[in-house]
C-alpha atoms as a PDB file:
ATOM      1  CA  MET A   1     -27.416-190.570 -68.779  1.00  0.00           C
ATOM      2  CA  LYS A   2     -29.651-188.875 -66.495  1.00  0.00           C
ATOM      3  CA  GLU A   3     -30.053-186.729 -69.029  1.00  0.00           C
ATOM      4  CA  MET A   4     -31.379-189.010 -71.429  1.00  0.00           C
ATOM      5  CA  VAL A   5     -33.061-190.810 -68.940  1.00  0.00           C
ATOM      6  CA  LYS A   6     -34.996-187.778 -67.849  1.00  0.00           C
ATOM      7  CA  ARG A   7     -36.030-186.716 -71.590  1.00  0.00           C
ATOM      8  CA  PHE A   8     -37.016-190.116 -72.506  1.00  0.00           C
ATOM      9  CA  PHE A   9     -39.842-189.659 -69.437  1.00  0.00           C
ATOM     10  CA  THR A  10     -40.774-185.795 -70.207  1.00  0.00           C
ATOM     11  CA  GLU A  11     -40.957-186.105 -73.768  1.00  0.00           C
ATOM     12  CA  GLU A  12     -44.674-185.625 -75.140  1.00  0.00           C
ATOM     13  CA  SER A  13     -43.767-185.333 -79.391  1.00  0.00           C
ATOM     14  CA  GLY A  14     -45.532-188.803 -80.605  1.00  0.00           C
ATOM     15  CA  GLN A  15     -48.132-188.654 -77.788  1.00  0.00           C
ATOM     16  CA  GLY A  16     -51.039-187.125 -80.030  1.00  0.00           C
ATOM     17  CA  MET A  17     -49.899-189.700 -83.162  1.00  0.00           C
ATOM     18  CA  THR A  18     -50.325-192.921 -80.580  1.00  0.00           C
ATOM     19  CA  GLU A  19     -53.716-191.262 -79.414  1.00  0.00           C
ATOM     20  CA  TYR A  20     -55.174-190.859 -82.787  1.00  0.00           C
ATOM     21  CA  ALA A  21     -53.979-194.380 -83.881  1.00  0.00           C
ATOM     22  CA  LEU A  22     -55.765-195.858 -80.594  1.00  0.00           C
ATOM     23  CA  ILE A  23     -58.850-194.234 -81.805  1.00  0.00           C
ATOM     24  CA  LEU A  24     -58.883-194.921 -85.189  1.00  0.00           C
ATOM     25  CA  ALA A  25     -58.244-198.751 -83.974  1.00  0.00           C
ATOM     26  CA  LEU A  26     -61.114-198.796 -81.010  1.00  0.00           C
ATOM     27  CA  VAL A  27     -63.671-196.990 -84.591  1.00  0.00           C
ATOM     28  CA  SER A  28     -62.244-199.766 -86.729  1.00  0.00           C
ATOM     29  CA  ILE A  29     -63.280-202.324 -84.348  1.00  0.00           C
ATOM     30  CA  ILE A  30     -66.496-201.280 -83.811  1.00  0.00           C
ATOM     31  CA  ALA A  31     -67.205-200.904 -87.341  1.00  0.00           C
ATOM     32  CA  ILE A  32     -66.340-204.298 -87.848  1.00  0.00           C
ATOM     33  CA  VAL A  33     -68.211-205.804 -84.565  1.00  0.00           C
ATOM     34  CA  ALA A  34     -71.099-203.674 -86.074  1.00  0.00           C
ATOM     35  CA  LEU A  35     -71.076-205.013 -89.628  1.00  0.00           C
ATOM     36  CA  GLY A  36     -71.152-208.338 -88.143  1.00  0.00           C
ATOM     37  CA  PHE A  37     -74.352-208.101 -86.773  1.00  0.00           C
ATOM     38  CA  LEU A  38     -76.066-206.230 -89.429  1.00  0.00           C
ATOM     39  CA  GLY A  39     -74.257-207.322 -92.372  1.00  0.00           C
ATOM     40  CA  ASP A  40     -77.626-210.021 -93.254  1.00  0.00           C
ATOM     41  CA  GLU A  41     -79.715-207.121 -92.689  1.00  0.00           C
ATOM     42  CA  ILE A  42     -77.990-204.694 -94.872  1.00  0.00           C
ATOM     43  CA  LYS A  43     -77.421-207.532 -97.718  1.00  0.00           C
ATOM     44  CA  THR A  44     -80.724-207.771 -97.800  1.00  0.00           C
ATOM     45  CA  VAL A  45     -81.910-204.176 -98.011  1.00  0.00           C
ATOM     46  CA  PHE A  46     -79.632-204.021-100.966  1.00  0.00           C
ATOM     47  CA  GLU A  47     -80.666-207.138-102.492  1.00  0.00           C
ATOM     48  CA  ASN A  48     -84.382-205.993-102.239  1.00  0.00           C
ATOM     49  CA  ILE A  49     -83.003-202.373-104.201  1.00  0.00           C
ATOM     50  CA  THR A  50     -81.420-204.184-106.418  1.00  0.00           C
ATOM     51  CA  THR A  51     -84.571-205.978-107.583  1.00  0.00           C
ATOM     52  CA  LYS A  52     -86.709-203.497-107.732  1.00  0.00           C
ATOM     53  CA  LEU A  53     -84.124-201.176-109.976  1.00  0.00           C
ATOM     54  CA  LYS A  54     -84.098-203.892-112.214  1.00  0.00           C
ATOM     55  CA  PRO A  55     -86.086-203.468-115.393  1.00  0.00           C
ATOM     56  CA  GLU A  56     -89.226-206.178-116.115  1.00  0.00           C
ATOM     57  CA  GLY A  57     -87.999-209.360-118.489  1.00  0.00           C
ATOM     58  CA  ALA A  58     -84.458-208.266-117.452  1.00  0.00           C
ATOM     59  CA  GLY A  59     -83.052-211.706-117.390  1.00  0.00           C
ATOM     60  CA  GLY A  60     -79.705-213.088-115.071  1.00  0.00           C
ATOM     61  CA  THR A  61     -79.253-214.332-111.686  1.00  0.00           C
ATOM     62  CA  THR A  62     -78.101-212.656-108.568  1.00  0.00           C
END
């Protein structure tokens, strides 16, 4: 029993995977927050690009 408890506290095989998961979660949260703040500006940029790329006289709604 002592050996099992000792091995539980000294084994580090899953530590790297856990660190990568935490980094991925942090980057995802930052990306979501950034898109939340910049969403309207990004939408406007893409709408302007779409408008400029449309041929003259092309019908349709956006």
